[in-house]
Amino acid sequence: MKNRTKNFYVTFPLIHFILVAAFLFGCAQPQYIQKQSSDSGSVSGQELQADCSIQFQNSKICLMWRWESQPTNTVMGSLILKTYRLNQLDQTAVETDMTSIPDLILWMPSMGHGSSPTSSERIDVGTYRMNNVFFIMPGDWDLKFQIHSNSEKIDEAIVSVFIN
């Protein structure tokens, strides 16, 4: 019985050490995997892989948008629009300027009317701010991002949203 107890006290710390070492080394990050830094060229912290699910019809330039300040039933809002193309090598987003500053038309298809005019400004390469966004009633709305040349619409991307 004493021999068995002695073997236990010798074997248990050794097994414990091996398990702890295996756990620590098993969780280490391999040196061939590089960490992504926050300034690695991504589109404003978005994932590097872009899906290009929304794009302008003619130029095929991709776009993403997000509310900067969401409009309410009494206050106008603004949104940020980013335009980009997909890098041919790894499909990452590459910011791309449009030929002119995009316009935003708010349109309610079920009612056949729009809302008050918005204004647009370029704030960086491929980044635009759409101001004075206001929906006059709840329901389904189309955000029509348009490019104009000499007052003629040359490109458009439409995003449907529901406003409460």
C-alpha atoms as a PDB file:
ATOM      1  CA  MET A   1       0.000   0.000   0.000  1.00  0.00           C
ATOM      2  CA  LYS A   2       2.856   2.416   0.819  1.00  0.00           C
ATOM      3  CA  ASN A   3       4.450   1.764  -2.574  1.00  0.00           C
ATOM      4  CA  ARG A   4       1.208   2.582  -4.373  1.00  0.00           C
ATOM      5  CA  THR A   5       0.826   5.860  -2.406  1.00  0.00           C
ATOM      6  CA  LYS A   6       4.432   6.813  -3.176  1.00  0.00           C
ATOM      7  CA  ASN A   7       3.846   6.231  -6.918  1.00  0.00           C
ATOM      8  CA  PHE A   8       0.710   8.386  -6.775  1.00  0.00           C
ATOM      9  CA  TYR A   9       2.558  11.344  -5.251  1.00  0.00           C
ATOM     10  CA  VAL A  10       5.321  11.081  -7.847  1.00  0.00           C
ATOM     11  CA  THR A  11       3.011  10.502 -10.835  1.00  0.00           C
ATOM     12  CA  PHE A  12       0.265  13.044 -10.010  1.00  0.00           C
ATOM     13  CA  PRO A  13       2.498  16.191 -10.144  1.00  0.00           C
ATOM     14  CA  LEU A  14       4.093  14.958 -13.372  1.00  0.00           C
ATOM     15  CA  ILE A  15       0.718  14.376 -15.045  1.00  0.00           C
ATOM     16  CA  HIS A  16      -0.533  17.707 -13.724  1.00  0.00           C
ATOM     17  CA  PHE A  17       2.539  19.492 -15.145  1.00  0.00           C
ATOM     18  CA  ILE A  18       2.119  17.825 -18.559  1.00  0.00           C
ATOM     19  CA  LEU A  19      -1.587  18.766 -18.774  1.00  0.00           C
ATOM     20  CA  VAL A  20      -0.942  22.393 -17.809  1.00  0.00           C
ATOM     21  CA  ALA A  21       1.949  22.656 -20.298  1.00  0.00           C
ATOM     22  CA  ALA A  22      -0.164  21.100 -23.089  1.00  0.00           C
ATOM     23  CA  PHE A  23      -2.984  23.548 -22.357  1.00  0.00           C
ATOM     24  CA  LEU A  24      -0.715  26.598 -22.391  1.00  0.00           C
ATOM     25  CA  PHE A  25       1.193  25.632 -25.524  1.00  0.00           C
ATOM     26  CA  GLY A  26      -1.956  24.415 -27.272  1.00  0.00           C
ATOM     27  CA  CYS A  27      -3.582  27.830 -26.858  1.00  0.00           C
ATOM     28  CA  ALA A  28      -0.616  29.812 -28.144  1.00  0.00           C
ATOM     29  CA  GLN A  29      -1.102  31.629 -31.419  1.00  0.00           C
ATOM     30  CA  PRO A  30       1.095  30.194 -34.179  1.00  0.00           C
ATOM     31  CA  GLN A  31       3.694  32.628 -35.446  1.00  0.00           C
ATOM     32  CA  TYR A  32       2.516  32.221 -39.018  1.00  0.00           C
ATOM     33  CA  ILE A  33      -0.844  33.868 -38.157  1.00  0.00           C
ATOM     34  CA  GLN A  34      -0.617  37.649 -38.176  1.00  0.00           C
ATOM     35  CA  LYS A  35      -2.911  39.743 -36.043  1.00  0.00           C
ATOM     36  CA  GLN A  36      -4.942  42.428 -37.811  1.00  0.00           C
ATOM     37  CA  SER A  37      -4.233  45.900 -36.518  1.00  0.00           C
ATOM     38  CA  SER A  38      -7.080  48.388 -36.240  1.00  0.00           C
ATOM     39  CA  ASP A  39      -5.482  50.585 -38.914  1.00  0.00           C
ATOM     40  CA  SER A  40      -4.849  47.813 -41.432  1.00  0.00           C
ATOM     41  CA  GLY A  41      -6.704  49.543 -44.244  1.00  0.00           C
ATOM     42  CA  SER A  42     -10.180  48.335 -43.376  1.00  0.00           C
ATOM     43  CA  VAL A  43     -13.191  50.464 -44.139  1.00  0.00           C
ATOM     44  CA  SER A  44     -13.800  52.303 -40.835  1.00  0.00           C
ATOM     45  CA  GLY A  45     -13.412  49.252 -38.675  1.00  0.00           C
ATOM     46  CA  GLN A  46     -15.628  47.132 -40.900  1.00  0.00           C
ATOM     47  CA  GLU A  47     -14.556  43.591 -41.698  1.00  0.00           C
ATOM     48  CA  LEU A  48     -11.925  43.437 -44.419  1.00  0.00           C
ATOM     49  CA  GLN A  49     -14.074  41.051 -46.443  1.00  0.00           C
ATOM     50  CA  ALA A  50     -16.737  43.129 -48.169  1.00  0.00           C
ATOM     51  CA  ASP A  51     -19.745  41.514 -49.767  1.00  0.00           C
ATOM     52  CA  CYS A  52     -20.707  44.268 -52.223  1.00  0.00           C
ATOM     53  CA  SER A  53     -24.381  43.345 -51.798  1.00  0.00           C
ATOM     54  CA  ILE A  54     -25.382  46.957 -52.522  1.00  0.00           C
ATOM     55  CA  GLN A  55     -23.927  48.594 -55.609  1.00  0.00           C
ATOM     56  CA  PHE A  56     -24.532  51.313 -58.157  1.00  0.00           C
ATOM     57  CA  GLN A  57     -26.244  49.847 -61.232  1.00  0.00           C
ATOM     58  CA  ASN A  58     -23.941  51.144 -63.981  1.00  0.00           C
ATOM     59  CA  SER A  59     -20.513  51.586 -62.409  1.00  0.00           C
ATOM     60  CA  LYS A  60     -20.844  48.518 -60.128  1.00  0.00           C
ATOM     61  CA  ILE A  61     -19.203  50.548 -57.339  1.00  0.00           C
ATOM     62  CA  CYS A  62     -20.154  49.011 -53.992  1.00  0.00           C
ATOM     63  CA  LEU A  63     -21.620  50.995 -51.131  1.00  0.00           C
ATOM     64  CA  MET A  64     -22.242  50.744 -47.412  1.00  0.00           C
ATOM     65  CA  TRP A  65     -24.234  53.139 -45.305  1.00  0.00           C
ATOM     66  CA  ARG A  66     -25.032  53.704 -41.629  1.00  0.00           C
ATOM     67  CA  TRP A  67     -26.954  56.229 -39.611  1.00  0.00           C
ATOM     68  CA  GLU A  68     -24.815  58.987 -38.164  1.00  0.00           C
ATOM     69  CA  SER A  69     -27.865  60.364 -36.389  1.00  0.00           C
ATOM     70  CA  GLN A  70     -31.139  58.583 -36.982  1.00  0.00           C
ATOM     71  CA  PRO A  71     -34.059  60.845 -37.861  1.00  0.00           C
ATOM     72  CA  THR A  72     -37.124  60.998 -35.620  1.00  0.00           C
ATOM     73  CA  ASN A  73     -40.618  62.259 -36.341  1.00  0.00           C
ATOM     74  CA  THR A  74     -39.479  65.759 -35.329  1.00  0.00           C
ATOM     75  CA  VAL A  75     -35.700  65.878 -35.972  1.00  0.00           C
ATOM     76  CA  MET A  76     -33.756  65.507 -39.223  1.00  0.00           C
ATOM     77  CA  GLY A  77     -30.989  62.919 -39.271  1.00  0.00           C
ATOM     78  CA  SER A  78     -27.854  62.193 -41.264  1.00  0.00           C
ATOM     79  CA  LEU A  79     -26.144  59.136 -42.648  1.00  0.00           C
ATOM     80  CA  ILE A  80     -22.671  58.193 -43.802  1.00  0.00           C
ATOM     81  CA  LEU A  81     -22.227  56.625 -47.234  1.00  0.00           C
ATOM     82  CA  LYS A  82     -19.009  54.809 -48.159  1.00  0.00           C
ATOM     83  CA  THR A  83     -18.232  53.831 -51.744  1.00  0.00           C
ATOM     84  CA  TYR A  84     -15.645  51.206 -52.594  1.00  0.00           C
ATOM     85  CA  ARG A  85     -14.530  48.584 -55.072  1.00  0.00           C
ATOM     86  CA  LEU A  86     -13.355  45.075 -54.262  1.00  0.00           C
ATOM     87  CA  ASN A  87      -9.607  44.440 -54.429  1.00  0.00           C
ATOM     88  CA  GLN A  88      -9.021  41.785 -57.113  1.00  0.00           C
ATOM     89  CA  LEU A  89      -6.474  39.900 -55.002  1.00  0.00           C
ATOM     90  CA  ASP A  90      -8.301  39.367 -51.720  1.00  0.00           C
ATOM     91  CA  GLN A  91     -11.736  40.981 -52.124  1.00  0.00           C
ATOM     92  CA  THR A  92     -11.050  43.641 -49.472  1.00  0.00           C
ATOM     93  CA  ALA A  93     -12.744  47.017 -49.725  1.00  0.00           C
ATOM     94  CA  VAL A  94     -10.794  49.819 -51.421  1.00  0.00           C
ATOM     95  CA  GLU A  95     -12.341  53.275 -50.939  1.00  0.00           C
ATOM     96  CA  THR A  96     -13.342  54.792 -54.266  1.00  0.00           C
ATOM     97  CA  ASP A  97     -14.586  58.287 -55.068  1.00  0.00           C
ATOM     98  CA  MET A  98     -17.587  58.673 -57.329  1.00  0.00           C
ATOM     99  CA  THR A  99     -17.488  60.935 -60.384  1.00  0.00           C
ATOM    100  CA  SER A 100     -19.552  63.458 -58.423  1.00  0.00           C
ATOM    101  CA  ILE A 101     -20.952  63.716 -54.910  1.00  0.00           C
ATOM    102  CA  PRO A 102     -23.891  61.300 -54.623  1.00  0.00           C
ATOM    103  CA  ASP A 103     -27.361  62.657 -53.929  1.00  0.00           C
ATOM    104  CA  LEU A 104     -29.906  60.988 -51.646  1.00  0.00           C
ATOM    105  CA  ILE A 105     -33.541  60.904 -52.705  1.00  0.00           C
ATOM    106  CA  LEU A 106     -36.048  59.664 -50.103  1.00  0.00           C
ATOM    107  CA  TRP A 107     -38.927  57.910 -51.848  1.00  0.00           C
ATOM    108  CA  MET A 108     -42.022  56.141 -50.470  1.00  0.00           C
ATOM    109  CA  PRO A 109     -43.022  53.750 -53.284  1.00  0.00           C
ATOM    110  CA  SER A 110     -46.371  52.701 -51.766  1.00  0.00           C
ATOM    111  CA  MET A 111     -47.554  56.329 -51.658  1.00  0.00           C
ATOM    112  CA  GLY A 112     -45.811  57.575 -54.814  1.00  0.00           C
ATOM    113  CA  HIS A 113     -44.088  60.536 -53.157  1.00  0.00           C
ATOM    114  CA  GLY A 114     -40.835  61.556 -51.567  1.00  0.00           C
ATOM    115  CA  SER A 115     -39.787  63.658 -48.625  1.00  0.00           C
ATOM    116  CA  SER A 116     -37.932  66.925 -48.159  1.00  0.00           C
ATOM    117  CA  PRO A 117     -34.681  67.344 -50.129  1.00  0.00           C
ATOM    118  CA  THR A 118     -31.434  66.176 -48.552  1.00  0.00           C
ATOM    119  CA  SER A 119     -27.962  67.659 -48.918  1.00  0.00           C
ATOM    120  CA  SER A 120     -24.684  65.807 -49.489  1.00  0.00           C
ATOM    121  CA  GLU A 121     -21.035  66.514 -48.838  1.00  0.00           C
ATOM    122  CA  ARG A 122     -17.760  64.668 -49.406  1.00  0.00           C
ATOM    123  CA  ILE A 123     -15.886  64.154 -46.129  1.00  0.00           C
ATOM    124  CA  ASP A 124     -13.058  61.846 -47.293  1.00  0.00           C
ATOM    125  CA  VAL A 125     -12.065  59.538 -50.151  1.00  0.00           C
ATOM    126  CA  GLY A 126     -15.177  57.504 -50.910  1.00  0.00           C
ATOM    127  CA  THR A 127     -16.965  58.844 -47.812  1.00  0.00           C
ATOM    128  CA  TYR A 128     -19.982  61.130 -47.959  1.00  0.00           C
ATOM    129  CA  ARG A 129     -22.413  62.583 -45.439  1.00  0.00           C
ATOM    130  CA  MET A 130     -26.094  62.877 -46.334  1.00  0.00           C
ATOM    131  CA  ASN A 131     -27.774  65.609 -44.250  1.00  0.00           C
ATOM    132  CA  ASN A 132     -31.374  66.714 -43.707  1.00  0.00           C
ATOM    133  CA  VAL A 133     -32.741  63.164 -43.825  1.00  0.00           C
ATOM    134  CA  PHE A 134     -36.386  63.289 -42.713  1.00  0.00           C
ATOM    135  CA  PHE A 135     -39.239  60.847 -43.294  1.00  0.00           C
ATOM    136  CA  ILE A 136     -42.648  62.515 -43.314  1.00  0.00           C
ATOM    137  CA  MET A 137     -44.492  59.348 -42.263  1.00  0.00           C
ATOM    138  CA  PRO A 138     -43.781  55.777 -41.118  1.00  0.00           C
ATOM    139  CA  GLY A 139     -43.670  52.938 -43.624  1.00  0.00           C
ATOM    140  CA  ASP A 140     -41.508  51.447 -46.360  1.00  0.00           C
ATOM    141  CA  TRP A 141     -39.052  53.900 -47.908  1.00  0.00           C
ATOM    142  CA  ASP A 142     -36.397  53.701 -50.607  1.00  0.00           C
ATOM    143  CA  LEU A 143     -33.068  55.416 -50.110  1.00  0.00           C
ATOM    144  CA  LYS A 144     -32.088  56.279 -53.678  1.00  0.00           C
ATOM    145  CA  PHE A 145     -28.375  57.082 -53.849  1.00  0.00           C
ATOM    146  CA  GLN A 146     -27.886  58.801 -57.204  1.00  0.00           C
ATOM    147  CA  ILE A 147     -25.036  60.215 -59.272  1.00  0.00           C
ATOM    148  CA  HIS A 148     -25.878  63.090 -61.610  1.00  0.00           C
ATOM    149  CA  SER A 149     -24.037  64.731 -64.485  1.00  0.00           C
ATOM    150  CA  ASN A 150     -25.455  67.932 -65.968  1.00  0.00           C
ATOM    151  CA  SER A 151     -28.745  67.365 -64.092  1.00  0.00           C
ATOM    152  CA  GLU A 152     -29.098  63.889 -65.622  1.00  0.00           C
ATOM    153  CA  LYS A 153     -29.092  60.768 -63.457  1.00  0.00           C
ATOM    154  CA  ILE A 154     -26.241  58.515 -64.627  1.00  0.00           C
ATOM    155  CA  ASP A 155     -26.129  55.940 -61.812  1.00  0.00           C
ATOM    156  CA  GLU A 156     -28.275  54.781 -58.910  1.00  0.00           C
ATOM    157  CA  ALA A 157     -28.326  52.353 -55.997  1.00  0.00           C
ATOM    158  CA  ILE A 158     -31.554  51.753 -54.066  1.00  0.00           C
ATOM    159  CA  VAL A 159     -31.821  50.522 -50.483  1.00  0.00           C
ATOM    160  CA  SER A 160     -35.249  49.739 -48.989  1.00  0.00           C
ATOM    161  CA  VAL A 161     -35.842  50.506 -45.307  1.00  0.00           C
ATOM    162  CA  PHE A 162     -38.814  50.427 -42.959  1.00  0.00           C
ATOM    163  CA  ILE A 163     -39.331  53.510 -40.803  1.00  0.00           C
ATOM    164  CA  ASN A 164     -41.441  53.323 -37.642  1.00  0.00           C
END
